[in-house]
Amino acid sequence: MGKSGAAVLIMFVITTLVISPSRCAAAAVTCNAVELSPCANAITSATTTPTPMCCSKLKEQTPCLCNYMKNPFLQKFINSPNARKVADTCGTPFPTTCT
């Protein structure tokens, strides 16, 4: 392998190491409904605006929302009109269908 081949290989390894952790972190969300507790007031009250912490946690937990919707204890909160308002206010996509 020449110098240019080695340089390409090194750049590939560096790029992979730099990009991979963020991909893994995004894919490895730990689904924990308690993480959405900063959103409790906004979800249960039509007049409360979600906090930045709520929006951050909601975005983090977005991959878990379908699982929460299937949970009989969480359904009434996650499927509520206020939960959708909170998601809209936070700019977080809310699943319309779950399989």
PDB file of N, CA and C in Angstrom:
ATOM      1  N   MET A   1       0.849  -1.164   0.000  1.00  0.00           N
ATOM      2  CA  MET A   1       0.000   0.000   0.000  1.00  0.00           C
ATOM      3  C   MET A   1       0.900   1.233   0.000  1.00  0.00           C
ATOM      4  N   GLY A   2       0.637   2.146  -0.934  1.00  0.00           N
ATOM      5  CA  GLY A   2       1.437   3.357  -1.041  1.00  0.00           C
ATOM      6  C   GLY A   2       1.034   4.377   0.003  1.00  0.00           C
ATOM      7  N   LYS A   3       1.745   5.525  -0.034  1.00  0.00           N
ATOM      8  CA  LYS A   3       1.453   6.591   0.926  1.00  0.00           C
ATOM      9  C   LYS A   3       0.028   7.104   0.771  1.00  0.00           C
ATOM     10  N   SER A   4      -0.456   7.241  -0.459  1.00  0.00           N
ATOM     11  CA  SER A   4      -1.807   7.765  -0.662  1.00  0.00           C
ATOM     12  C   SER A   4      -2.853   6.755  -0.179  1.00  0.00           C
ATOM     13  N   GLY A   5      -2.595   5.472  -0.363  1.00  0.00           N
ATOM     14  CA  GLY A   5      -3.521   4.444   0.130  1.00  0.00           C
ATOM     15  C   GLY A   5      -3.589   4.430   1.644  1.00  0.00           C
ATOM     16  N   ALA A   6      -2.431   4.575   2.274  1.00  0.00           N
ATOM     17  CA  ALA A   6      -2.381   4.619   3.737  1.00  0.00           C
ATOM     18  C   ALA A   6      -3.083   5.864   4.262  1.00  0.00           C
ATOM     19  N   ALA A   7      -2.911   6.979   3.580  1.00  0.00           N
ATOM     20  CA  ALA A   7      -3.561   8.223   3.993  1.00  0.00           C
ATOM     21  C   ALA A   7      -5.078   8.092   3.894  1.00  0.00           C
ATOM     22  N   VAL A   8      -5.557   7.467   2.832  1.00  0.00           N
ATOM     23  CA  VAL A   8      -7.002   7.256   2.662  1.00  0.00           C
ATOM     24  C   VAL A   8      -7.521   6.347   3.778  1.00  0.00           C
ATOM     25  N   LEU A   9      -6.791   5.289   4.090  1.00  0.00           N
ATOM     26  CA  LEU A   9      -7.198   4.371   5.146  1.00  0.00           C
ATOM     27  C   LEU A   9      -7.244   5.082   6.502  1.00  0.00           C
ATOM     28  N   ILE A  10      -6.245   5.893   6.795  1.00  0.00           N
ATOM     29  CA  ILE A  10      -6.214   6.631   8.056  1.00  0.00           C
ATOM     30  C   ILE A  10      -7.387   7.605   8.133  1.00  0.00           C
ATOM     31  N   MET A  11      -7.664   8.325   7.043  1.00  0.00           N
ATOM     32  CA  MET A  11      -8.801   9.259   7.026  1.00  0.00           C
ATOM     33  C   MET A  11     -10.113   8.510   7.231  1.00  0.00           C
ATOM     34  N   PHE A  12     -10.243   7.323   6.621  1.00  0.00           N
ATOM     35  CA  PHE A  12     -11.450   6.520   6.791  1.00  0.00           C
ATOM     36  C   PHE A  12     -11.630   6.120   8.254  1.00  0.00           C
ATOM     37  N   VAL A  13     -10.570   5.663   8.890  1.00  0.00           N
ATOM     38  CA  VAL A  13     -10.640   5.251  10.292  1.00  0.00           C
ATOM     39  C   VAL A  13     -10.982   6.441  11.189  1.00  0.00           C
ATOM     40  N   ILE A  14     -10.340   7.576  10.965  1.00  0.00           N
ATOM     41  CA  ILE A  14     -10.615   8.769  11.768  1.00  0.00           C
ATOM     42  C   ILE A  14     -12.061   9.211  11.580  1.00  0.00           C
ATOM     43  N   THR A  15     -12.534   9.258  10.349  1.00  0.00           N
ATOM     44  CA  THR A  15     -13.911   9.649  10.070  1.00  0.00           C
ATOM     45  C   THR A  15     -14.886   8.694  10.733  1.00  0.00           C
ATOM     46  N   THR A  16     -14.618   7.412  10.659  1.00  0.00           N
ATOM     47  CA  THR A  16     -15.483   6.417  11.279  1.00  0.00           C
ATOM     48  C   THR A  16     -15.527   6.603  12.789  1.00  0.00           C
ATOM     49  N   LEU A  17     -14.394   6.853  13.414  1.00  0.00           N
ATOM     50  CA  LEU A  17     -14.357   7.049  14.851  1.00  0.00           C
ATOM     51  C   LEU A  17     -15.076   8.320  15.283  1.00  0.00           C
ATOM     52  N   VAL A  18     -14.995   9.352  14.477  1.00  0.00           N
ATOM     53  CA  VAL A  18     -15.637  10.615  14.812  1.00  0.00           C
ATOM     54  C   VAL A  18     -17.146  10.528  14.607  1.00  0.00           C
ATOM     55  N   ILE A  19     -17.598   9.892  13.543  1.00  0.00           N
ATOM     56  CA  ILE A  19     -19.019   9.825  13.222  1.00  0.00           C
ATOM     57  C   ILE A  19     -19.741   8.749  14.020  1.00  0.00           C
ATOM     58  N   SER A  20     -19.153   7.624  14.234  1.00  0.00           N
ATOM     59  CA  SER A  20     -19.821   6.487  14.864  1.00  0.00           C
ATOM     60  C   SER A  20     -20.395   6.765  16.245  1.00  0.00           C
ATOM     61  N   PRO A  21     -19.690   7.422  17.160  1.00  0.00           N
ATOM     62  CA  PRO A  21     -20.274   7.616  18.479  1.00  0.00           C
ATOM     63  C   PRO A  21     -21.606   8.360  18.444  1.00  0.00           C
ATOM     64  N   SER A  22     -21.750   9.379  17.596  1.00  0.00           N
ATOM     65  CA  SER A  22     -23.007  10.102  17.549  1.00  0.00           C
ATOM     66  C   SER A  22     -24.112   9.229  16.977  1.00  0.00           C
ATOM     67  N   ARG A  23     -23.786   8.419  15.981  1.00  0.00           N
ATOM     68  CA  ARG A  23     -24.782   7.500  15.448  1.00  0.00           C
ATOM     69  C   ARG A  23     -25.199   6.506  16.505  1.00  0.00           C
ATOM     70  N   CYS A  24     -24.232   5.945  17.198  1.00  0.00           N
ATOM     71  CA  CYS A  24     -24.534   4.949  18.228  1.00  0.00           C
ATOM     72  C   CYS A  24     -25.340   5.585  19.350  1.00  0.00           C
ATOM     73  N   ALA A  25     -24.976   6.780  19.735  1.00  0.00           N
ATOM     74  CA  ALA A  25     -25.691   7.436  20.821  1.00  0.00           C
ATOM     75  C   ALA A  25     -27.137   7.692  20.421  1.00  0.00           C
ATOM     76  N   ALA A  26     -27.364   8.084  19.166  1.00  0.00           N
ATOM     77  CA  ALA A  26     -28.721   8.348  18.716  1.00  0.00           C
ATOM     78  C   ALA A  26     -29.519   7.056  18.629  1.00  0.00           C
ATOM     79  N   ALA A  27     -28.882   5.978  18.223  1.00  0.00           N
ATOM     80  CA  ALA A  27     -29.582   4.715  18.065  1.00  0.00           C
ATOM     81  C   ALA A  27     -29.767   4.017  19.402  1.00  0.00           C
ATOM     82  N   ALA A  28     -28.944   4.320  20.373  1.00  0.00           N
ATOM     83  CA  ALA A  28     -28.966   3.606  21.646  1.00  0.00           C
ATOM     84  C   ALA A  28     -29.710   4.395  22.723  1.00  0.00           C
ATOM     85  N   VAL A  29     -30.894   4.878  22.407  1.00  0.00           N
ATOM     86  CA  VAL A  29     -31.696   5.597  23.385  1.00  0.00           C
ATOM     87  C   VAL A  29     -32.232   4.601  24.397  1.00  0.00           C
ATOM     88  N   THR A  30     -32.113   4.919  25.654  1.00  0.00           N
ATOM     89  CA  THR A  30     -32.709   4.094  26.693  1.00  0.00           C
ATOM     90  C   THR A  30     -34.120   4.602  26.923  1.00  0.00           C
ATOM     91  N   CYS A  31     -35.096   3.777  26.595  1.00  0.00           N
ATOM     92  CA  CYS A  31     -36.498   4.169  26.760  1.00  0.00           C
ATOM     93  C   CYS A  31     -36.858   4.131  28.236  1.00  0.00           C
ATOM     94  N   ASN A  32     -37.140   5.295  28.762  1.00  0.00           N
ATOM     95  CA  ASN A  32     -37.504   5.427  30.163  1.00  0.00           C
ATOM     96  C   ASN A  32     -38.492   6.585  30.260  1.00  0.00           C
ATOM     97  N   ALA A  33     -39.743   6.261  30.477  1.00  0.00           N
ATOM     98  CA  ALA A  33     -40.794   7.275  30.512  1.00  0.00           C
ATOM     99  C   ALA A  33     -40.550   8.325  31.589  1.00  0.00           C
ATOM    100  N   VAL A  34     -39.827   7.988  32.629  1.00  0.00           N
ATOM    101  CA  VAL A  34     -39.508   8.946  33.686  1.00  0.00           C
ATOM    102  C   VAL A  34     -38.707  10.116  33.128  1.00  0.00           C
ATOM    103  N   GLU A  35     -37.963   9.876  32.047  1.00  0.00           N
ATOM    104  CA  GLU A  35     -37.190  10.939  31.405  1.00  0.00           C
ATOM    105  C   GLU A  35     -38.102  12.069  30.905  1.00  0.00           C
ATOM    106  N   LEU A  36     -39.385  11.761  30.699  1.00  0.00           N
ATOM    107  CA  LEU A  36     -40.322  12.776  30.225  1.00  0.00           C
ATOM    108  C   LEU A  36     -40.968  13.565  31.365  1.00  0.00           C
ATOM    109  N   SER A  37     -40.537  13.345  32.589  1.00  0.00           N
ATOM    110  CA  SER A  37     -41.136  14.046  33.730  1.00  0.00           C
ATOM    111  C   SER A  37     -41.053  15.573  33.622  1.00  0.00           C
ATOM    112  N   PRO A  38     -40.026  16.155  32.972  1.00  0.00           N
ATOM    113  CA  PRO A  38     -40.041  17.610  32.812  1.00  0.00           C
ATOM    114  C   PRO A  38     -41.219  18.107  31.957  1.00  0.00           C
ATOM    115  N   CYS A  39     -41.884  17.193  31.267  1.00  0.00           N
ATOM    116  CA  CYS A  39     -43.024  17.556  30.414  1.00  0.00           C
ATOM    117  C   CYS A  39     -44.363  17.371  31.123  1.00  0.00           C
ATOM    118  N   ALA A  40     -44.356  16.836  32.324  1.00  0.00           N
ATOM    119  CA  ALA A  40     -45.602  16.491  33.007  1.00  0.00           C
ATOM    120  C   ALA A  40     -46.558  17.677  33.117  1.00  0.00           C
ATOM    121  N   ASN A  41     -46.074  18.828  33.558  1.00  0.00           N
ATOM    122  CA  ASN A  41     -46.961  19.995  33.704  1.00  0.00           C
ATOM    123  C   ASN A  41     -47.529  20.438  32.370  1.00  0.00           C
ATOM    124  N   ALA A  42     -46.714  20.438  31.340  1.00  0.00           N
ATOM    125  CA  ALA A  42     -47.183  20.875  30.022  1.00  0.00           C
ATOM    126  C   ALA A  42     -48.194  19.886  29.433  1.00  0.00           C
ATOM    127  N   ILE A  43     -48.016  18.604  29.713  1.00  0.00           N
ATOM    128  CA  ILE A  43     -48.942  17.597  29.182  1.00  0.00           C
ATOM    129  C   ILE A  43     -50.264  17.609  29.945  1.00  0.00           C
ATOM    130  N   THR A  44     -50.214  17.834  31.237  1.00  0.00           N
ATOM    131  CA  THR A  44     -51.440  17.776  32.036  1.00  0.00           C
ATOM    132  C   THR A  44     -52.177  19.112  32.116  1.00  0.00           C
ATOM    133  N   SER A  45     -51.570  20.189  31.666  1.00  0.00           N
ATOM    134  CA  SER A  45     -52.203  21.504  31.715  1.00  0.00           C
ATOM    135  C   SER A  45     -52.153  22.154  30.335  1.00  0.00           C
ATOM    136  N   ALA A  46     -53.302  22.539  29.843  1.00  0.00           N
ATOM    137  CA  ALA A  46     -53.373  23.146  28.514  1.00  0.00           C
ATOM    138  C   ALA A  46     -52.738  24.529  28.481  1.00  0.00           C
ATOM    139  N   THR A  47     -52.519  25.126  29.635  1.00  0.00           N
ATOM    140  CA  THR A  47     -51.991  26.494  29.668  1.00  0.00           C
ATOM    141  C   THR A  47     -50.500  26.578  29.950  1.00  0.00           C
ATOM    142  N   THR A  48     -49.866  25.452  30.234  1.00  0.00           N
ATOM    143  CA  THR A  48     -48.434  25.457  30.555  1.00  0.00           C
ATOM    144  C   THR A  48     -47.605  25.210  29.298  1.00  0.00           C
ATOM    145  N   THR A  49     -46.620  26.034  29.075  1.00  0.00           N
ATOM    146  CA  THR A  49     -45.714  25.902  27.932  1.00  0.00           C
ATOM    147  C   THR A  49     -44.582  24.945  28.305  1.00  0.00           C
ATOM    148  N   PRO A  50     -44.204  24.054  27.378  1.00  0.00           N
ATOM    149  CA  PRO A  50     -43.097  23.146  27.697  1.00  0.00           C
ATOM    150  C   PRO A  50     -41.778  23.902  27.883  1.00  0.00           C
ATOM    151  N   THR A  51     -40.995  23.431  28.818  1.00  0.00           N
ATOM    152  CA  THR A  51     -39.695  24.035  29.097  1.00  0.00           C
ATOM    153  C   THR A  51     -38.663  23.530  28.080  1.00  0.00           C
ATOM    154  N   PRO A  52     -37.539  24.212  27.959  1.00  0.00           N
ATOM    155  CA  PRO A  52     -36.470  23.700  27.099  1.00  0.00           C
ATOM    156  C   PRO A  52     -36.018  22.288  27.500  1.00  0.00           C
ATOM    157  N   MET A  53     -35.995  21.997  28.804  1.00  0.00           N
ATOM    158  CA  MET A  53     -35.620  20.656  29.274  1.00  0.00           C
ATOM    159  C   MET A  53     -36.647  19.635  28.790  1.00  0.00           C
ATOM    160  N   CYS A  54     -37.930  19.988  28.858  1.00  0.00           N
ATOM    161  CA  CYS A  54     -38.981  19.100  28.364  1.00  0.00           C
ATOM    162  C   CYS A  54     -38.749  18.795  26.892  1.00  0.00           C
ATOM    163  N   CYS A  55     -38.532  19.818  26.093  1.00  0.00           N
ATOM    164  CA  CYS A  55     -38.327  19.624  24.656  1.00  0.00           C
ATOM    165  C   CYS A  55     -37.100  18.764  24.376  1.00  0.00           C
ATOM    166  N   SER A  56     -36.048  18.985  25.131  1.00  0.00           N
ATOM    167  CA  SER A  56     -34.837  18.194  24.959  1.00  0.00           C
ATOM    168  C   SER A  56     -35.107  16.724  25.254  1.00  0.00           C
ATOM    169  N   LYS A  57     -35.774  16.452  26.353  1.00  0.00           N
ATOM    170  CA  LYS A  57     -36.073  15.069  26.738  1.00  0.00           C
ATOM    171  C   LYS A  57     -37.050  14.429  25.765  1.00  0.00           C
ATOM    172  N   LEU A  58     -38.020  15.198  25.291  1.00  0.00           N
ATOM    173  CA  LEU A  58     -38.991  14.666  24.330  1.00  0.00           C
ATOM    174  C   LEU A  58     -38.297  14.264  23.035  1.00  0.00           C
ATOM    175  N   LYS A  59     -37.393  15.104  22.564  1.00  0.00           N
ATOM    176  CA  LYS A  59     -36.641  14.772  21.351  1.00  0.00           C
ATOM    177  C   LYS A  59     -35.794  13.530  21.564  1.00  0.00           C
ATOM    178  N   GLU A  60     -35.199  13.423  22.731  1.00  0.00           N
ATOM    179  CA  GLU A  60     -34.377  12.258  23.065  1.00  0.00           C
ATOM    180  C   GLU A  60     -35.209  10.984  23.110  1.00  0.00           C
ATOM    181  N   GLN A  61     -36.422  11.077  23.623  1.00  0.00           N
ATOM    182  CA  GLN A  61     -37.281   9.904  23.816  1.00  0.00           C
ATOM    183  C   GLN A  61     -38.216   9.636  22.632  1.00  0.00           C
ATOM    184  N   THR A  62     -38.142  10.419  21.569  1.00  0.00           N
ATOM    185  CA  THR A  62     -39.023  10.238  20.417  1.00  0.00           C
ATOM    186  C   THR A  62     -39.040   8.806  19.878  1.00  0.00           C
ATOM    187  N   PRO A  63     -37.901   8.110  19.768  1.00  0.00           N
ATOM    188  CA  PRO A  63     -37.954   6.735  19.268  1.00  0.00           C
ATOM    189  C   PRO A  63     -38.752   5.787  20.170  1.00  0.00           C
ATOM    190  N   CYS A  64     -39.032   6.214  21.384  1.00  0.00           N
ATOM    191  CA  CYS A  64     -39.720   5.363  22.360  1.00  0.00           C
ATOM    192  C   CYS A  64     -41.226   5.615  22.423  1.00  0.00           C
ATOM    193  N   LEU A  65     -41.708   6.666  21.770  1.00  0.00           N
ATOM    194  CA  LEU A  65     -43.104   7.068  21.936  1.00  0.00           C
ATOM    195  C   LEU A  65     -44.095   5.975  21.558  1.00  0.00           C
ATOM    196  N   CYS A  66     -43.822   5.220  20.521  1.00  0.00           N
ATOM    197  CA  CYS A  66     -44.746   4.139  20.145  1.00  0.00           C
ATOM    198  C   CYS A  66     -44.851   3.102  21.257  1.00  0.00           C
ATOM    199  N   ASN A  67     -43.732   2.771  21.881  1.00  0.00           N
ATOM    200  CA  ASN A  67     -43.776   1.836  23.008  1.00  0.00           C
ATOM    201  C   ASN A  67     -44.589   2.413  24.162  1.00  0.00           C
ATOM    202  N   TYR A  68     -44.445   3.696  24.409  1.00  0.00           N
ATOM    203  CA  TYR A  68     -45.195   4.332  25.487  1.00  0.00           C
ATOM    204  C   TYR A  68     -46.687   4.330  25.165  1.00  0.00           C
ATOM    205  N   MET A  69     -47.038   4.518  23.892  1.00  0.00           N
ATOM    206  CA  MET A  69     -48.441   4.515  23.495  1.00  0.00           C
ATOM    207  C   MET A  69     -49.089   3.145  23.703  1.00  0.00           C
ATOM    208  N   LYS A  70     -48.299   2.104  23.624  1.00  0.00           N
ATOM    209  CA  LYS A  70     -48.813   0.749  23.800  1.00  0.00           C
ATOM    210  C   LYS A  70     -48.921   0.359  25.268  1.00  0.00           C
ATOM    211  N   ASN A  71     -48.301   1.123  26.144  1.00  0.00           N
ATOM    212  CA  ASN A  71     -48.326   0.834  27.572  1.00  0.00           C
ATOM    213  C   ASN A  71     -49.637   1.360  28.163  1.00  0.00           C
ATOM    214  N   PRO A  72     -50.474   0.471  28.742  1.00  0.00           N
ATOM    215  CA  PRO A  72     -51.771   0.900  29.262  1.00  0.00           C
ATOM    216  C   PRO A  72     -51.676   1.991  30.334  1.00  0.00           C
ATOM    217  N   PHE A  73     -50.581   2.055  31.074  1.00  0.00           N
ATOM    218  CA  PHE A  73     -50.427   3.068  32.116  1.00  0.00           C
ATOM    219  C   PHE A  73     -50.031   4.434  31.552  1.00  0.00           C
ATOM    220  N   LEU A  74     -49.388   4.442  30.385  1.00  0.00           N
ATOM    221  CA  LEU A  74     -48.903   5.688  29.801  1.00  0.00           C
ATOM    222  C   LEU A  74     -49.785   6.211  28.672  1.00  0.00           C
ATOM    223  N   GLN A  75     -50.628   5.358  28.108  1.00  0.00           N
ATOM    224  CA  GLN A  75     -51.447   5.716  26.934  1.00  0.00           C
ATOM    225  C   GLN A  75     -52.188   7.033  27.109  1.00  0.00           C
ATOM    226  N   LYS A  76     -52.866   7.184  28.242  1.00  0.00           N
ATOM    227  CA  LYS A  76     -53.712   8.372  28.413  1.00  0.00           C
ATOM    228  C   LYS A  76     -52.908   9.667  28.386  1.00  0.00           C
ATOM    229  N   PHE A  77     -51.640   9.590  28.773  1.00  0.00           N
ATOM    230  CA  PHE A  77     -50.795  10.796  28.738  1.00  0.00           C
ATOM    231  C   PHE A  77     -50.206  11.019  27.354  1.00  0.00           C
ATOM    232  N   ILE A  78     -49.681   9.959  26.755  1.00  0.00           N
ATOM    233  CA  ILE A  78     -49.004  10.070  25.463  1.00  0.00           C
ATOM    234  C   ILE A  78     -49.993  10.342  24.338  1.00  0.00           C
ATOM    235  N   ASN A  79     -51.187   9.764  24.426  1.00  0.00           N
ATOM    236  CA  ASN A  79     -52.190   9.960  23.377  1.00  0.00           C
ATOM    237  C   ASN A  79     -53.052  11.195  23.585  1.00  0.00           C
ATOM    238  N   SER A  80     -52.777  11.977  24.595  1.00  0.00           N
ATOM    239  CA  SER A  80     -53.615  13.136  24.894  1.00  0.00           C
ATOM    240  C   SER A  80     -53.362  14.272  23.899  1.00  0.00           C
ATOM    241  N   PRO A  81     -54.378  15.105  23.692  1.00  0.00           N
ATOM    242  CA  PRO A  81     -54.187  16.273  22.815  1.00  0.00           C
ATOM    243  C   PRO A  81     -53.066  17.192  23.308  1.00  0.00           C
ATOM    244  N   ASN A  82     -52.927  17.323  24.625  1.00  0.00           N
ATOM    245  CA  ASN A  82     -51.858  18.179  25.163  1.00  0.00           C
ATOM    246  C   ASN A  82     -50.479  17.625  24.845  1.00  0.00           C
ATOM    247  N   ALA A  83     -50.319  16.306  24.837  1.00  0.00           N
ATOM    248  CA  ALA A  83     -49.022  15.718  24.497  1.00  0.00           C
ATOM    249  C   ALA A  83     -48.662  16.073  23.062  1.00  0.00           C
ATOM    250  N   ARG A  84     -49.627  16.044  22.188  1.00  0.00           N
ATOM    251  CA  ARG A  84     -49.380  16.414  20.787  1.00  0.00           C
ATOM    252  C   ARG A  84     -49.056  17.906  20.671  1.00  0.00           C
ATOM    253  N   LYS A  85     -49.720  18.734  21.466  1.00  0.00           N
ATOM    254  CA  LYS A  85     -49.410  20.173  21.472  1.00  0.00           C
ATOM    255  C   LYS A  85     -47.978  20.408  21.945  1.00  0.00           C
ATOM    256  N   VAL A  86     -47.582  19.687  22.984  1.00  0.00           N
ATOM    257  CA  VAL A  86     -46.220  19.816  23.507  1.00  0.00           C
ATOM    258  C   VAL A  86     -45.223  19.422  22.420  1.00  0.00           C
ATOM    259  N   ALA A  87     -45.491  18.305  21.749  1.00  0.00           N
ATOM    260  CA  ALA A  87     -44.596  17.855  20.674  1.00  0.00           C
ATOM    261  C   ALA A  87     -44.530  18.899  19.563  1.00  0.00           C
ATOM    262  N   ASP A  88     -45.672  19.464  19.186  1.00  0.00           N
ATOM    263  CA  ASP A  88     -45.689  20.504  18.152  1.00  0.00           C
ATOM    264  C   ASP A  88     -44.898  21.735  18.597  1.00  0.00           C
ATOM    265  N   THR A  89     -45.113  22.161  19.834  1.00  0.00           N
ATOM    266  CA  THR A  89     -44.405  23.331  20.356  1.00  0.00           C
ATOM    267  C   THR A  89     -42.897  23.100  20.372  1.00  0.00           C
ATOM    268  N   CYS A  90     -42.502  21.864  20.702  1.00  0.00           N
ATOM    269  CA  CYS A  90     -41.074  21.519  20.755  1.00  0.00           C
ATOM    270  C   CYS A  90     -40.482  21.230  19.378  1.00  0.00           C
ATOM    271  N   GLY A  91     -41.349  21.145  18.362  1.00  0.00           N
ATOM    272  CA  GLY A  91     -40.857  20.824  17.016  1.00  0.00           C
ATOM    273  C   GLY A  91     -40.410  19.381  16.906  1.00  0.00           C
ATOM    274  N   THR A  92     -41.045  18.514  17.671  1.00  0.00           N
ATOM    275  CA  THR A  92     -40.699  17.103  17.700  1.00  0.00           C
ATOM    276  C   THR A  92     -41.743  16.318  16.927  1.00  0.00           C
ATOM    277  N   PRO A  93     -41.325  15.490  15.969  1.00  0.00           N
ATOM    278  CA  PRO A  93     -42.313  14.697  15.239  1.00  0.00           C
ATOM    279  C   PRO A  93     -42.990  13.696  16.175  1.00  0.00           C
ATOM    280  N   PHE A  94     -44.293  13.640  16.101  1.00  0.00           N
ATOM    281  CA  PHE A  94     -45.071  12.729  16.926  1.00  0.00           C
ATOM    282  C   PHE A  94     -45.572  11.626  16.020  1.00  0.00           C
ATOM    283  N   PRO A  95     -45.380  10.361  16.395  1.00  0.00           N
ATOM    284  CA  PRO A  95     -45.799   9.276  15.512  1.00  0.00           C
ATOM    285  C   PRO A  95     -47.317   9.291  15.294  1.00  0.00           C
ATOM    286  N   THR A  96     -47.716   9.134  14.039  1.00  0.00           N
ATOM    287  CA  THR A  96     -49.147   9.086  13.741  1.00  0.00           C
ATOM    288  C   THR A  96     -49.655   7.651  13.773  1.00  0.00           C
ATOM    289  N   THR A  97     -48.787   6.720  13.439  1.00  0.00           N
ATOM    290  CA  THR A  97     -49.147   5.304  13.524  1.00  0.00           C
ATOM    291  C   THR A  97     -47.965   4.536  14.100  1.00  0.00           C
ATOM    292  N   CYS A  98     -48.299   3.520  14.854  1.00  0.00           N
ATOM    293  CA  CYS A  98     -47.270   2.659  15.433  1.00  0.00           C
ATOM    294  C   CYS A  98     -47.599   1.215  15.057  1.00  0.00           C
ATOM    295  N   THR A  99     -46.568   0.477  14.737  1.00  0.00           N
ATOM    296  CA  THR A  99     -46.787  -0.918  14.366  1.00  0.00           C
ATOM    297  C   THR A  99     -46.490  -1.833  15.518  1.00  0.00           C
TER     298      THR A  99
END
